[in-house]
Structure formats: C-alpha cells, structure tokens
Amino acid sequence: MTEFQRPRSVREAAYAHLREAILGGRLVPGERISEPGLAETLGISRTPVREALQRLAQEGLVELVPAKGARVRVLRPEEVREVYEVRALLEAEAARLAARHASLDELSHLAGLLAALDSIPRECYLEQMQVDFEFHTRLVEAAHNRTLARIYGDLRSSLALVRSFQQTLSQHPKTRQQHQNILHALRQRDPEQAALAAREHVLYFRDIVTRAIKEPSWT
C-alpha cells in the first residue's frame, strides 16, 4: 500500500479558489487563466496553481492547450443540449416531488429568492445568475430525495459553463413568469403541473442557449 499523502493546504486553497471562481461565474467559458499571473495574485508559487489547473482539467472545467496555456472550458453545442435535457428530467421530477413534500418554510424560501431576484439591479448579471441558480438548487432540495439531489449536484460544473450565455435572462419577463408558474404549482400541491412548469422552463433556456452559444476564438 502506498504511503498516505496529507493534502497540501496551499494546493487545496488554489484549487478551491479557481473552482469557485468558475462555478460562481467570475471566470467565464473561454477566459484564459494565466498560471504566473494567478500565482502572483495569490502570493504562491506556480506549482500549486499548475496542480490545481490539472485537477480542474480532469473535472472538465478547464482546458489545457499545449503552448497556449489554460482557459475555462467551452462546451460544444451538442454538450449544452445534453446538459439541459438531463437537467429538464431532473428538475421536472424534483418539482413533482417538491409539490408533495416541500415544507411551508421551503416554499416561503423559494418565494423569497424570487423576490430577491427581482430586486437585484438590472446590470448585476452575476448576482442575478447566482440567485437564479440558488432557486433551482433549493427546488431540488425541496424534493427531499437525496439521490436526486446528488445527481443534480454532479451537473453543477456543466451548468456553470453555460450560465454566461444567459446573463440577461434571469429578470426577463418570461423567465419571471416561468419561475412564478413553478412556485404556484408547488403551492397548489399539484405535482404534474409543477413538473410541467419546471420542464418547460429548462427547455426554454436550452433552446435559447444552444442558439446563442459559439466557440470563442483561441488566439
């Protein structure tokens, strides 16, 4: 048996910093990541940054291109379509279960997130996307199905890579109406209507994003 290696805190910190920057939308698909620049910003050597980038590449969040460096990975249009179709299945089932099992406090929290989303300044796209994503995450949690929540969590990386293509949509009137349709069905304890509303919402975004997505140039 090989000797146990205790994680090096600097390496883990560099990895966590980069991963959260990507998942949080601060680093967007196609954006370059300068290994020396990041090392200087974080005040660490290049080795833990390089290790963090390699780990993120294995997770599918970063692309390492020989002689060109690293960039946040860009999903191909067909991958985006697949991600949204799986998401539609999971969120529809989550909404169906949430209509049966969500507590009043959970429904109140969902309503509060939608109110918070509406109150964010129109130009604050990153904050809008974060609250929007929180709404969908809480919807899945309200299903009270740990397996479904775990599988949905596995999609988080892929979803983070496509959110930059929907920056202006979180406060769009149609998006607002779709969110309210989901919440209304949950409050009415109508599983089938909740599932339908959630599925229609996700597939609506699938169609918009797959039309908008383009491979950024690597120059």
Protein backbone atom coordinates (compact mmCIF):
# COMPACT_ATOMS: atom_id res chain seq x y z
CA MET A 1 0.00 0.00 0.00
CA THR A 2 1.30 3.45 -0.89
CA GLU A 3 2.01 5.93 1.87
CA PHE A 4 -0.82 8.31 2.67
CA GLN A 5 -0.12 11.83 1.46
CA ARG A 6 -1.63 14.60 3.58
CA PRO A 7 -3.15 17.28 1.31
CA ARG A 8 -1.05 20.38 0.98
CA SER A 9 -3.11 23.36 2.11
CA VAL A 10 -1.71 25.78 -0.50
CA ARG A 11 -2.54 23.40 -3.34
CA GLU A 12 -6.04 22.81 -1.99
CA ALA A 13 -6.59 26.53 -1.49
CA ALA A 14 -5.53 27.28 -5.07
CA TYR A 15 -7.84 24.57 -6.36
CA ALA A 16 -10.79 25.76 -4.27
CA HIS A 17 -10.23 29.38 -5.32
CA LEU A 18 -10.19 28.56 -9.03
CA ARG A 19 -13.08 26.12 -8.87
CA GLU A 20 -15.34 28.55 -7.04
CA ALA A 21 -14.40 31.35 -9.45
CA ILE A 22 -15.57 29.16 -12.34
CA LEU A 23 -18.68 27.81 -10.64
CA GLY A 24 -19.56 31.28 -9.39
CA GLY A 25 -19.29 32.79 -12.85
CA ARG A 26 -16.34 35.08 -12.15
CA LEU A 27 -14.33 33.15 -14.73
CA VAL A 28 -16.36 32.51 -17.86
CA PRO A 29 -16.01 29.92 -20.66
CA GLY A 30 -13.16 30.76 -23.00
CA GLU A 31 -11.43 33.06 -20.49
CA ARG A 32 -7.72 32.49 -20.21
CA ILE A 33 -6.12 31.63 -16.89
CA SER A 34 -2.55 32.86 -16.54
CA GLU A 35 -0.57 30.49 -14.39
CA PRO A 36 2.13 33.03 -13.44
CA GLY A 37 -0.40 35.84 -13.09
CA LEU A 38 -2.63 33.81 -10.77
CA ALA A 39 0.35 32.67 -8.72
CA GLU A 40 1.40 36.28 -8.25
CA THR A 41 -2.14 37.38 -7.36
CA LEU A 42 -2.49 34.62 -4.76
CA GLY A 43 1.04 35.10 -3.45
CA ILE A 44 2.05 31.48 -4.02
CA SER A 45 4.41 29.58 -6.30
CA ARG A 46 3.35 28.36 -9.74
CA THR A 47 3.46 24.68 -8.74
CA PRO A 48 0.19 24.58 -6.72
CA VAL A 49 -1.52 26.66 -9.42
CA ARG A 50 -0.36 24.20 -12.08
CA GLU A 51 -1.60 21.27 -9.98
CA ALA A 52 -4.95 22.99 -9.44
CA LEU A 53 -5.36 23.58 -13.18
CA GLN A 54 -4.55 19.95 -13.94
CA ARG A 55 -7.14 18.80 -11.41
CA LEU A 56 -9.77 21.13 -12.85
CA ALA A 57 -8.95 19.87 -16.33
CA GLN A 58 -9.66 16.32 -15.14
CA GLU A 59 -13.03 17.54 -13.86
CA GLY A 60 -13.86 19.11 -17.23
CA LEU A 61 -13.83 22.71 -16.04
CA VAL A 62 -10.54 23.78 -17.63
CA GLU A 63 -8.82 23.12 -20.94
CA LEU A 64 -5.03 22.88 -21.10
CA VAL A 65 -3.77 23.71 -24.59
CA PRO A 66 -0.10 22.98 -25.38
CA ALA A 67 1.96 26.13 -25.90
CA LYS A 68 -1.09 28.29 -25.22
CA GLY A 69 -1.89 27.71 -21.57
CA ALA A 70 -5.19 27.25 -19.80
CA ARG A 71 -8.69 28.54 -20.32
CA VAL A 72 -12.10 27.85 -18.85
CA ARG A 73 -13.60 25.06 -20.91
CA VAL A 74 -16.17 25.84 -23.59
CA LEU A 75 -18.89 23.24 -24.07
CA ARG A 76 -19.82 22.23 -27.60
CA PRO A 77 -23.43 22.98 -28.61
CA GLU A 78 -24.33 19.29 -28.50
CA GLU A 79 -22.96 19.02 -24.96
CA VAL A 80 -25.04 22.02 -23.90
CA ARG A 81 -28.15 20.40 -25.32
CA GLU A 82 -27.43 17.17 -23.45
CA VAL A 83 -26.86 19.01 -20.16
CA TYR A 84 -30.16 20.88 -20.41
CA GLU A 85 -32.12 17.79 -21.41
CA VAL A 86 -30.82 15.90 -18.37
CA ARG A 87 -31.48 18.95 -16.22
CA ALA A 88 -35.05 19.11 -17.52
CA LEU A 89 -35.63 15.49 -16.48
CA LEU A 90 -34.18 16.04 -13.01
CA GLU A 91 -35.89 19.36 -12.28
CA ALA A 92 -39.24 18.10 -13.53
CA GLU A 93 -39.04 15.15 -11.16
CA ALA A 94 -37.77 17.39 -8.36
CA ALA A 95 -40.71 19.75 -8.84
CA ARG A 96 -43.14 16.82 -8.88
CA LEU A 97 -41.75 15.55 -5.58
CA ALA A 98 -41.49 19.03 -4.07
CA ALA A 99 -45.18 19.63 -4.74
CA ARG A 100 -45.83 16.69 -2.41
CA HIS A 101 -43.08 17.06 0.17
CA ALA A 102 -41.89 20.68 0.39
CA SER A 103 -42.50 22.31 3.74
CA LEU A 104 -44.16 25.70 4.09
CA ASP A 105 -40.81 27.15 5.13
CA GLU A 106 -39.20 25.79 1.96
CA LEU A 107 -41.94 27.27 -0.20
CA SER A 108 -41.55 30.58 1.59
CA HIS A 109 -37.81 30.49 0.98
CA LEU A 110 -38.35 29.85 -2.74
CA ALA A 111 -40.71 32.81 -2.89
CA GLY A 112 -38.14 34.94 -1.09
CA LEU A 113 -35.47 34.03 -3.62
CA LEU A 114 -37.71 35.10 -6.49
CA ALA A 115 -38.43 38.38 -4.73
CA ALA A 116 -34.71 38.88 -4.16
CA LEU A 117 -34.03 38.11 -7.82
CA ASP A 118 -36.47 40.80 -8.91
CA SER A 119 -34.83 43.38 -6.63
CA ILE A 120 -31.28 42.98 -7.97
CA PRO A 121 -30.15 45.88 -10.20
CA ARG A 122 -30.57 45.01 -13.86
CA GLU A 123 -26.88 45.42 -14.62
CA CYS A 124 -25.76 42.98 -11.88
CA TYR A 125 -25.86 39.87 -14.05
CA LEU A 126 -23.57 37.74 -11.91
CA GLU A 127 -25.66 38.27 -8.78
CA GLN A 128 -28.82 37.54 -10.74
CA MET A 129 -27.43 34.26 -12.02
CA GLN A 130 -26.29 33.24 -8.54
CA VAL A 131 -29.73 33.84 -7.01
CA ASP A 132 -31.41 32.17 -10.00
CA PHE A 133 -29.22 29.10 -9.54
CA GLU A 134 -29.94 29.12 -5.80
CA PHE A 135 -33.67 28.99 -6.57
CA HIS A 136 -33.24 25.89 -8.69
CA THR A 137 -30.94 24.26 -6.17
CA ARG A 138 -33.45 24.85 -3.36
CA LEU A 139 -36.22 23.49 -5.58
CA VAL A 140 -34.29 20.24 -5.94
CA GLU A 141 -33.61 20.12 -2.20
CA ALA A 142 -37.34 20.59 -1.52
CA ALA A 143 -37.96 17.26 -3.26
CA HIS A 144 -36.40 15.54 -0.23
CA ASN A 145 -34.72 12.93 -2.40
CA ARG A 146 -31.03 12.71 -1.61
CA THR A 147 -30.14 10.62 -4.64
CA LEU A 148 -31.78 13.09 -6.99
CA ALA A 149 -30.02 15.99 -5.24
CA ARG A 150 -26.65 14.23 -5.54
CA ILE A 151 -27.10 13.57 -9.25
CA TYR A 152 -28.23 17.15 -9.80
CA GLY A 153 -25.17 18.35 -7.92
CA ASP A 154 -22.99 16.45 -10.37
CA LEU A 155 -24.39 18.69 -13.12
CA ARG A 156 -23.25 21.87 -11.37
CA SER A 157 -19.93 22.06 -13.20
CA SER A 158 -21.54 21.75 -16.61
CA LEU A 159 -24.27 24.25 -15.73
CA ALA A 160 -21.66 26.76 -14.61
CA LEU A 161 -20.04 26.58 -18.04
CA VAL A 162 -23.20 27.64 -19.84
CA ARG A 163 -24.59 30.28 -17.47
CA SER A 164 -22.57 33.07 -19.10
CA PHE A 165 -24.71 32.66 -22.22
CA GLN A 166 -27.88 33.59 -20.31
CA GLN A 167 -26.69 36.64 -18.40
CA THR A 168 -29.58 38.91 -19.33
CA LEU A 169 -32.34 36.32 -18.92
CA SER A 170 -32.81 35.92 -15.16
CA GLN A 171 -35.00 39.04 -14.96
CA HIS A 172 -36.64 38.67 -18.36
CA PRO A 173 -40.46 38.84 -18.05
CA LYS A 174 -40.87 35.34 -19.49
CA THR A 175 -38.33 33.92 -17.05
CA ARG A 176 -40.10 35.62 -14.16
CA GLN A 177 -43.42 34.18 -15.26
CA GLN A 178 -41.98 30.70 -15.61
CA HIS A 179 -40.50 30.86 -12.12
CA GLN A 180 -43.83 32.01 -10.73
CA ASN A 181 -45.61 29.18 -12.57
CA ILE A 182 -43.35 26.67 -10.84
CA LEU A 183 -43.91 28.26 -7.43
CA HIS A 184 -47.68 28.47 -7.95
CA ALA A 185 -47.89 24.77 -8.83
CA LEU A 186 -45.86 23.91 -5.74
CA ARG A 187 -48.14 25.96 -3.52
CA GLN A 188 -51.19 24.32 -5.08
CA ARG A 189 -49.62 20.92 -4.34
CA ASP A 190 -50.07 19.98 -8.00
CA PRO A 191 -47.24 17.53 -8.86
CA GLU A 192 -47.95 17.20 -12.56
CA GLN A 193 -48.33 20.92 -13.17
CA ALA A 194 -45.16 21.59 -11.19
CA ALA A 195 -43.25 19.05 -13.27
CA LEU A 196 -44.60 20.53 -16.49
CA ALA A 197 -43.71 24.09 -15.46
CA ALA A 198 -40.18 23.11 -14.46
CA ARG A 199 -39.58 21.13 -17.65
CA GLU A 200 -40.89 23.92 -19.89
CA HIS A 201 -38.66 26.44 -18.12
CA VAL A 202 -35.47 24.42 -18.54
CA LEU A 203 -36.17 23.51 -22.16
CA TYR A 204 -36.90 27.15 -22.94
CA PHE A 205 -33.40 28.01 -21.75
CA ARG A 206 -31.96 25.04 -23.63
CA ASP A 207 -33.28 26.43 -26.89
CA ILE A 208 -32.05 29.97 -26.19
CA VAL A 209 -28.57 28.91 -25.08
CA THR A 210 -27.97 26.42 -27.89
CA ARG A 211 -28.83 29.14 -30.40
CA ALA A 212 -26.56 31.66 -28.72
CA ILE A 213 -23.53 29.55 -27.91
CA LYS A 214 -20.50 29.97 -30.10
CA GLU A 215 -16.97 28.70 -29.76
CA PRO A 216 -14.80 31.66 -28.74
CA SER A 217 -11.62 32.01 -30.71
CA TRP A 218 -8.31 30.90 -29.18
CA THR A 219 -5.83 33.47 -30.39
